[in-house]
C-alpha atoms as a PDB file:
ATOM      1  CA  MET A   1       2.725 -13.486   0.982  1.00  0.00           C
ATOM      2  CA  ILE A   2      -0.327 -12.478  -1.000  1.00  0.00           C
ATOM      3  CA  GLN A   3      -3.062 -15.096  -1.174  1.00  0.00           C
ATOM      4  CA  ILE A   4      -6.130 -14.922  -3.395  1.00  0.00           C
ATOM      5  CA  SER A   5      -8.449 -17.449  -4.965  1.00  0.00           C
ATOM      6  CA  ILE A   6      -7.654 -18.002  -8.650  1.00  0.00           C
ATOM      7  CA  ASP A   7     -11.347 -17.869  -9.592  1.00  0.00           C
ATOM      8  CA  VAL A   8     -11.703 -14.191  -8.575  1.00  0.00           C
ATOM      9  CA  GLU A   9     -13.156 -12.159 -11.452  1.00  0.00           C
ATOM     10  CA  ILE A  10     -10.701  -9.548 -12.676  1.00  0.00           C
ATOM     11  CA  LYS A  11     -12.445  -6.291 -13.549  1.00  0.00           C
ATOM     12  CA  GLY A  12     -10.606  -3.716 -15.648  1.00  0.00           C
ATOM     13  CA  SER A  13      -6.996  -4.241 -16.679  1.00  0.00           C
ATOM     14  CA  THR A  14      -4.936  -6.982 -15.095  1.00  0.00           C
ATOM     15  CA  ARG A  15      -2.307  -4.415 -14.135  1.00  0.00           C
ATOM     16  CA  ASP A  16      -4.884  -2.356 -12.257  1.00  0.00           C
ATOM     17  CA  PHE A  17      -6.193  -5.481 -10.558  1.00  0.00           C
ATOM     18  CA  VAL A  18      -2.718  -6.416  -9.317  1.00  0.00           C
ATOM     19  CA  TYR A  19      -1.915  -2.814  -8.365  1.00  0.00           C
ATOM     20  CA  ASN A  20      -5.119  -2.362  -6.359  1.00  0.00           C
ATOM     21  CA  HIS A  21      -4.755  -5.710  -4.619  1.00  0.00           C
ATOM     22  CA  ILE A  22      -1.168  -5.160  -3.490  1.00  0.00           C
ATOM     23  CA  LYS A  23      -1.829  -1.545  -2.528  1.00  0.00           C
ATOM     24  CA  GLU A  24      -4.799  -2.604  -0.402  1.00  0.00           C
ATOM     25  CA  GLN A  25      -2.680  -5.207   1.369  1.00  0.00           C
ATOM     26  CA  ILE A  26       0.041  -2.633   2.090  1.00  0.00           C
ATOM     27  CA  ILE A  27      -2.393  -0.028   3.407  1.00  0.00           C
ATOM     28  CA  ASN A  28      -4.247  -2.643   5.493  1.00  0.00           C
ATOM     29  CA  TRP A  29      -0.909  -3.836   6.952  1.00  0.00           C
ATOM     30  CA  ASP A  30      -1.333  -7.352   5.587  1.00  0.00           C
ATOM     31  CA  LEU A  31       2.010  -6.618   3.937  1.00  0.00           C
ATOM     32  CA  LYS A  32       4.128  -4.890   6.565  1.00  0.00           C
ATOM     33  CA  PRO A  33       7.098  -2.577   5.952  1.00  0.00           C
ATOM     34  CA  GLY A  34      10.212  -4.553   5.069  1.00  0.00           C
ATOM     35  CA  THR A  35       8.295  -7.509   3.631  1.00  0.00           C
ATOM     36  CA  LYS A  36       9.981  -8.900   0.530  1.00  0.00           C
ATOM     37  CA  ILE A  37       7.741  -9.774  -2.434  1.00  0.00           C
ATOM     38  CA  SER A  38       8.588 -11.170  -5.855  1.00  0.00           C
ATOM     39  CA  GLU A  39       6.997 -10.821  -9.281  1.00  0.00           C
ATOM     40  CA  LYS A  40       7.010 -14.577  -9.754  1.00  0.00           C
ATOM     41  CA  GLU A  41       5.197 -15.406  -6.503  1.00  0.00           C
ATOM     42  CA  VAL A  42       2.658 -12.617  -6.912  1.00  0.00           C
ATOM     43  CA  ALA A  43       1.926 -13.737 -10.471  1.00  0.00           C
ATOM     44  CA  GLN A  44       1.431 -17.320  -9.298  1.00  0.00           C
ATOM     45  CA  ASN A  45      -0.778 -16.385  -6.365  1.00  0.00           C
ATOM     46  CA  LEU A  46      -2.969 -14.089  -8.471  1.00  0.00           C
ATOM     47  CA  ASN A  47      -2.945 -16.411 -11.491  1.00  0.00           C
ATOM     48  CA  VAL A  48      -1.728 -13.698 -13.867  1.00  0.00           C
ATOM     49  CA  SER A  49       1.336 -13.245 -16.074  1.00  0.00           C
ATOM     50  CA  ARG A  50       4.432 -11.471 -14.796  1.00  0.00           C
ATOM     51  CA  THR A  51       4.123  -8.465 -17.129  1.00  0.00           C
ATOM     52  CA  PRO A  52       1.151  -6.806 -15.348  1.00  0.00           C
ATOM     53  CA  VAL A  53       2.784  -7.599 -12.005  1.00  0.00           C
ATOM     54  CA  ARG A  54       5.964  -5.825 -13.111  1.00  0.00           C
ATOM     55  CA  GLU A  55       3.899  -2.847 -14.276  1.00  0.00           C
ATOM     56  CA  ALA A  56       2.015  -2.760 -10.965  1.00  0.00           C
ATOM     57  CA  PHE A  57       5.297  -2.933  -9.025  1.00  0.00           C
ATOM     58  CA  LEU A  58       6.624   0.067 -10.963  1.00  0.00           C
ATOM     59  CA  GLN A  59       3.455   2.050 -10.293  1.00  0.00           C
ATOM     60  CA  LEU A  60       3.607   1.236  -6.575  1.00  0.00           C
ATOM     61  CA  ALA A  61       7.285   2.184  -6.527  1.00  0.00           C
ATOM     62  CA  GLN A  62       6.365   5.586  -8.012  1.00  0.00           C
ATOM     63  CA  GLU A  63       3.980   6.050  -5.069  1.00  0.00           C
ATOM     64  CA  GLU A  64       6.864   5.008  -2.769  1.00  0.00           C
ATOM     65  CA  LEU A  65       5.006   1.991  -1.396  1.00  0.00           C
ATOM     66  CA  LEU A  66       7.543  -0.446  -2.834  1.00  0.00           C
ATOM     67  CA  ILE A  67      11.313  -0.215  -3.105  1.00  0.00           C
ATOM     68  CA  ILE A  68      12.767  -2.032  -6.112  1.00  0.00           C
ATOM     69  CA  ILE A  69      16.427  -2.910  -5.628  1.00  0.00           C
ATOM     70  CA  PRO A  70      18.098  -4.214  -8.834  1.00  0.00           C
ATOM     71  CA  GLN A  71      19.498  -7.745  -8.490  1.00  0.00           C
ATOM     72  CA  LYS A  72      18.219  -7.914  -4.912  1.00  0.00           C
ATOM     73  CA  GLY A  73      14.440  -7.799  -5.006  1.00  0.00           C
ATOM     74  CA  THR A  74      11.427  -5.726  -4.038  1.00  0.00           C
ATOM     75  CA  ILE A  75      10.377  -4.812  -0.510  1.00  0.00           C
ATOM     76  CA  VAL A  76       7.485  -2.914   1.045  1.00  0.00           C
ATOM     77  CA  SER A  77       8.670   0.553   2.042  1.00  0.00           C
ATOM     78  CA  LYS A  78       8.561   1.930   5.553  1.00  0.00           C
ATOM     79  CA  VAL A  79       6.152   4.727   6.421  1.00  0.00           C
ATOM     80  CA  ASP A  80       7.681   8.121   5.659  1.00  0.00           C
ATOM     81  CA  LEU A  81       6.261  10.821   7.941  1.00  0.00           C
ATOM     82  CA  SER A  82       7.314  13.584   5.549  1.00  0.00           C
ATOM     83  CA  LEU A  83       5.126  11.976   2.859  1.00  0.00           C
ATOM     84  CA  VAL A  84       2.350  11.550   5.422  1.00  0.00           C
ATOM     85  CA  GLU A  85       2.417  15.267   6.212  1.00  0.00           C
ATOM     86  CA  GLU A  86       2.559  16.302   2.551  1.00  0.00           C
ATOM     87  CA  GLY A  87      -0.433  14.122   1.693  1.00  0.00           C
ATOM     88  CA  ARG A  88      -2.339  15.326   4.741  1.00  0.00           C
ATOM     89  CA  PHE A  89      -1.576  18.972   3.913  1.00  0.00           C
ATOM     90  CA  VAL A  90      -2.953  18.614   0.395  1.00  0.00           C
ATOM     91  CA  ARG A  91      -6.085  16.830   1.585  1.00  0.00           C
ATOM     92  CA  GLU A  92      -6.731  19.339   4.344  1.00  0.00           C
ATOM     93  CA  HIS A  93      -6.645  22.390   2.097  1.00  0.00           C
ATOM     94  CA  ILE A  94      -8.561  20.841  -0.788  1.00  0.00           C
ATOM     95  CA  GLU A  95     -11.211  19.254   1.424  1.00  0.00           C
ATOM     96  CA  LYS A  96     -11.821  22.501   3.296  1.00  0.00           C
ATOM     97  CA  ALA A  97     -12.689  24.086  -0.058  1.00  0.00           C
ATOM     98  CA  ILE A  98     -14.742  21.041  -1.045  1.00  0.00           C
ATOM     99  CA  VAL A  99     -16.866  21.018   2.098  1.00  0.00           C
ATOM    100  CA  ARG A 100     -17.604  24.733   1.702  1.00  0.00           C
ATOM    101  CA  GLU A 101     -18.891  24.070  -1.807  1.00  0.00           C
ATOM    102  CA  VAL A 102     -20.904  21.051  -0.659  1.00  0.00           C
ATOM    103  CA  CYS A 103     -22.807  23.285   1.759  1.00  0.00           C
ATOM    104  CA  THR A 104     -24.140  25.289  -1.180  1.00  0.00           C
ATOM    105  CA  LYS A 105     -24.654  22.488  -3.716  1.00  0.00           C
ATOM    106  CA  ILE A 106     -25.899  19.389  -1.909  1.00  0.00           C
ATOM    107  CA  SER A 107     -29.313  17.983  -2.837  1.00  0.00           C
ATOM    108  CA  ASP A 108     -31.701  16.076  -0.584  1.00  0.00           C
ATOM    109  CA  ASP A 109     -30.746  12.788  -2.264  1.00  0.00           C
ATOM    110  CA  GLN A 110     -27.038  13.450  -1.737  1.00  0.00           C
ATOM    111  CA  LEU A 111     -27.664  14.397   1.880  1.00  0.00           C
ATOM    112  CA  PHE A 112     -29.413  11.059   2.295  1.00  0.00           C
ATOM    113  CA  GLN A 113     -26.374   9.275   0.822  1.00  0.00           C
ATOM    114  CA  LEU A 114     -24.111  10.876   3.419  1.00  0.00           C
ATOM    115  CA  GLU A 115     -26.543  10.036   6.203  1.00  0.00           C
ATOM    116  CA  THR A 116     -26.720   6.407   5.053  1.00  0.00           C
ATOM    117  CA  ASN A 117     -22.934   6.213   5.084  1.00  0.00           C
ATOM    118  CA  LEU A 118     -22.886   7.552   8.659  1.00  0.00           C
ATOM    119  CA  LEU A 119     -25.397   4.925   9.772  1.00  0.00           C
ATOM    120  CA  MET A 120     -23.088   2.234   8.383  1.00  0.00           C
ATOM    121  CA  GLN A 121     -20.176   3.805  10.249  1.00  0.00           C
ATOM    122  CA  GLU A 122     -22.145   3.588  13.486  1.00  0.00           C
ATOM    123  CA  LEU A 123     -22.792  -0.087  12.795  1.00  0.00           C
ATOM    124  CA  CYS A 124     -19.042  -0.604  12.383  1.00  0.00           C
ATOM    125  CA  LEU A 125     -18.526   1.010  15.787  1.00  0.00           C
ATOM    126  CA  LYS A 126     -20.680  -1.708  17.350  1.00  0.00           C
ATOM    127  CA  LYS A 127     -18.831  -4.429  15.430  1.00  0.00           C
ATOM    128  CA  GLY A 128     -15.354  -2.972  16.048  1.00  0.00           C
ATOM    129  CA  SER A 129     -14.316  -3.412  12.414  1.00  0.00           C
ATOM    130  CA  HIS A 130     -11.559  -0.939  11.565  1.00  0.00           C
ATOM    131  CA  ASN A 131     -11.132  -2.255   8.002  1.00  0.00           C
ATOM    132  CA  GLN A 132     -14.759  -1.616   7.098  1.00  0.00           C
ATOM    133  CA  LEU A 133     -14.734   1.706   8.930  1.00  0.00           C
ATOM    134  CA  PHE A 134     -11.719   2.794   6.900  1.00  0.00           C
ATOM    135  CA  GLN A 135     -13.585   2.006   3.671  1.00  0.00           C
ATOM    136  CA  LEU A 136     -16.676   3.896   4.839  1.00  0.00           C
ATOM    137  CA  ASP A 137     -14.459   6.817   5.873  1.00  0.00           C
ATOM    138  CA  GLU A 138     -13.044   6.912   2.350  1.00  0.00           C
ATOM    139  CA  GLU A 139     -16.521   6.675   0.856  1.00  0.00           C
ATOM    140  CA  PHE A 140     -17.764   9.560   3.024  1.00  0.00           C
ATOM    141  CA  HIS A 141     -15.029  11.875   1.758  1.00  0.00           C
ATOM    142  CA  GLN A 142     -15.363  10.666  -1.830  1.00  0.00           C
ATOM    143  CA  LEU A 143     -19.068  11.510  -1.748  1.00  0.00           C
ATOM    144  CA  LEU A 144     -18.163  15.115  -0.924  1.00  0.00           C
ATOM    145  CA  PHE A 145     -16.017  15.320  -4.054  1.00  0.00           C
ATOM    146  CA  GLU A 146     -18.731  13.682  -6.154  1.00  0.00           C
ATOM    147  CA  ILE A 147     -21.278  16.242  -4.947  1.00  0.00           C
ATOM    148  CA  CYS A 148     -18.961  18.970  -6.262  1.00  0.00           C
ATOM    149  CA  THR A 149     -18.359  17.010  -9.513  1.00  0.00           C
ATOM    150  CA  LYS A 150     -14.627  16.886  -8.755  1.00  0.00           C
ATOM    151  CA  ILE A 151     -14.019  13.140  -8.724  1.00  0.00           C
ATOM    152  CA  ARG A 152     -10.840  13.489 -10.815  1.00  0.00           C
ATOM    153  CA  THR A 153      -9.427  15.701  -8.074  1.00  0.00           C
ATOM    154  CA  TRP A 154     -10.269  12.979  -5.544  1.00  0.00           C
ATOM    155  CA  ASN A 155      -8.571  10.297  -7.655  1.00  0.00           C
ATOM    156  CA  ASN A 156      -5.440  12.408  -8.017  1.00  0.00           C
ATOM    157  CA  ILE A 157      -5.036  13.198  -4.320  1.00  0.00           C
ATOM    158  CA  ARG A 158      -5.610   9.521  -3.498  1.00  0.00           C
ATOM    159  CA  LYS A 159      -2.427   8.665  -5.386  1.00  0.00           C
ATOM    160  CA  MET A 160      -0.282  10.862  -3.141  1.00  0.00           C
ATOM    161  CA  ASN A 161      -1.948   9.838   0.124  1.00  0.00           C
ATOM    162  CA  SER A 162      -0.777   6.239   0.406  1.00  0.00           C
ATOM    163  CA  HIS A 163       1.575   6.871   3.337  1.00  0.00           C
ATOM    164  CA  PHE A 164      -1.068   9.005   5.040  1.00  0.00           C
ATOM    165  CA  ASP A 165      -3.551   6.144   4.616  1.00  0.00           C
ATOM    166  CA  ARG A 166      -1.106   3.637   6.101  1.00  0.00           C
ATOM    167  CA  LEU A 167      -0.742   5.803   9.196  1.00  0.00           C
ATOM    168  CA  ARG A 168      -4.522   6.204   9.438  1.00  0.00           C
ATOM    169  CA  MET A 169      -5.010   2.449   9.280  1.00  0.00           C
ATOM    170  CA  LEU A 170      -2.272   1.815  11.854  1.00  0.00           C
ATOM    171  CA  ARG A 171      -3.942   4.312  14.168  1.00  0.00           C
ATOM    172  CA  LEU A 172      -7.287   2.545  13.815  1.00  0.00           C
ATOM    173  CA  ALA A 173      -5.738  -0.882  14.363  1.00  0.00           C
ATOM    174  CA  LYS A 174      -3.740   0.194  17.417  1.00  0.00           C
ATOM    175  CA  ASN A 175      -6.023   2.647  19.184  1.00  0.00           C
ATOM    176  CA  HIS A 176      -9.546   1.556  18.210  1.00  0.00           C
ATOM    177  CA  ASP A 177     -10.637   5.139  18.835  1.00  0.00           C
ATOM    178  CA  PHE A 178     -13.432   4.959  16.267  1.00  0.00           C
ATOM    179  CA  GLU A 179     -15.816   7.238  18.158  1.00  0.00           C
ATOM    180  CA  VAL A 180     -13.720  10.363  17.537  1.00  0.00           C
ATOM    181  CA  ILE A 181     -13.577   9.769  13.788  1.00  0.00           C
ATOM    182  CA  VAL A 182     -17.274   9.007  13.421  1.00  0.00           C
ATOM    183  CA  GLY A 183     -18.150  11.882  15.740  1.00  0.00           C
ATOM    184  CA  GLN A 184     -16.301  14.349  13.525  1.00  0.00           C
ATOM    185  CA  HIS A 185     -18.015  12.948  10.443  1.00  0.00           C
ATOM    186  CA  LYS A 186     -21.348  13.568  12.166  1.00  0.00           C
ATOM    187  CA  GLU A 187     -20.338  17.149  12.949  1.00  0.00           C
ATOM    188  CA  ILE A 188     -19.391  17.729   9.313  1.00  0.00           C
ATOM    189  CA  PHE A 189     -22.719  16.249   8.212  1.00  0.00           C
ATOM    190  CA  GLU A 190     -24.636  18.505  10.596  1.00  0.00           C
ATOM    191  CA  CYS A 191     -22.840  21.596   9.283  1.00  0.00           C
ATOM    192  CA  ILE A 192     -23.634  20.581   5.725  1.00  0.00           C
ATOM    193  CA  SER A 193     -27.287  19.985   6.680  1.00  0.00           C
ATOM    194  CA  GLU A 194     -27.413  23.438   8.267  1.00  0.00           C
ATOM    195  CA  LYS A 195     -25.561  24.964   5.276  1.00  0.00           C
ATOM    196  CA  ASN A 196     -22.889  26.396   7.561  1.00  0.00           C
ATOM    197  CA  PRO A 197     -19.688  26.482   5.439  1.00  0.00           C
ATOM    198  CA  ASP A 198     -17.525  28.308   8.003  1.00  0.00           C
ATOM    199  CA  LYS A 199     -18.131  25.749  10.726  1.00  0.00           C
ATOM    200  CA  ALA A 200     -17.892  22.841   8.253  1.00  0.00           C
ATOM    201  CA  GLU A 201     -14.474  24.084   7.111  1.00  0.00           C
ATOM    202  CA  ALA A 202     -13.242  24.437  10.692  1.00  0.00           C
ATOM    203  CA  ILE A 203     -14.279  20.899  11.600  1.00  0.00           C
ATOM    204  CA  MET A 204     -12.772  19.502   8.403  1.00  0.00           C
ATOM    205  CA  GLU A 205      -9.442  21.139   9.293  1.00  0.00           C
ATOM    206  CA  LYS A 206      -9.559  19.576  12.749  1.00  0.00           C
ATOM    207  CA  HIS A 207     -10.512  16.221  11.232  1.00  0.00           C
ATOM    208  CA  MET A 208      -7.604  16.250   8.764  1.00  0.00           C
ATOM    209  CA  LYS A 209      -5.124  16.955  11.573  1.00  0.00           C
ATOM    210  CA  LEU A 210      -6.398  14.146  13.793  1.00  0.00           C
ATOM    211  CA  VAL A 211      -4.140  11.263  12.780  1.00  0.00           C
ATOM    212  CA  PHE A 212      -0.937  13.309  12.467  1.00  0.00           C
ATOM    213  CA  VAL A 213      -1.233  14.494  16.057  1.00  0.00           C
ATOM    214  CA  GLU A 214      -0.559  10.920  17.149  1.00  0.00           C
ATOM    215  CA  SER A 215       2.151  10.113  14.594  1.00  0.00           C
ATOM    216  CA  LYS A 216       5.074  10.488  17.035  1.00  0.00           C
ATOM    217  CA  GLU A 217       3.409   8.153  19.498  1.00  0.00           C
ATOM    218  CA  LEU A 218       2.733   5.579  16.796  1.00  0.00           C
ATOM    219  CA  LYS A 219       6.346   5.786  15.622  1.00  0.00           C
ATOM    220  CA  ALA A 220       7.632   5.358  19.180  1.00  0.00           C
ATOM    221  CA  GLU A 221       5.472   2.257  19.632  1.00  0.00           C
ATOM    222  CA  ASN A 222       6.390   0.760  16.227  1.00  0.00           C
ATOM    223  CA  PRO A 223       9.845   2.103  15.256  1.00  0.00           C
ATOM    224  CA  GLU A 224      10.477  -0.778  12.845  1.00  0.00           C
ATOM    225  CA  TYR A 225       7.660   0.441  10.593  1.00  0.00           C
ATOM    226  CA  PHE A 226       8.997   3.982  10.044  1.00  0.00           C
ATOM    227  CA  ASN A 227      11.917   5.633   8.297  1.00  0.00           C
END
């Protein structure tokens, strides 16, 4: 069950705090598929009232991360590969357009931001930290959207990529094949530096297909986690 110190500062709305905390635990596999959670216990552990917890549960259910069964309880959903593919498809096609635009718009300061992110990713390779690498991966892609002043687009596609993110995190936790991911990020960075949109788009397409290639293998190894 969720554990958190009661003296944690809550930034923003309490509902958003609860939503983000539970979602992070689901994506990080701290809460595995089939785990039963209750409003009462979550509220107690997070030291909040039950109303924002109920609201967060409903929001997570809309994203199909939780299944709310009346009179029975709430459980963490299993990974749905059809939702994984839909989320991946949307990201692939939008991010190919984004990276093309980045090649024409990026400033020296923004290029430095991307390079700094890559250096942190390389540090994570040495440490073997898949959780931190996942966060840096997200930050790398978010920076591309920020460069194009399309952060609302990023926020919207994030909402439909929860199952895709769960599969990505499972892949990192199981395979520890960090070098491929970081290597592709480096290739994308080099294309952006060289202002080569065609090559950047091609690598982004390959990058977005990476995790789904291994989805059948991951499902075979962990059938209890999938629909």
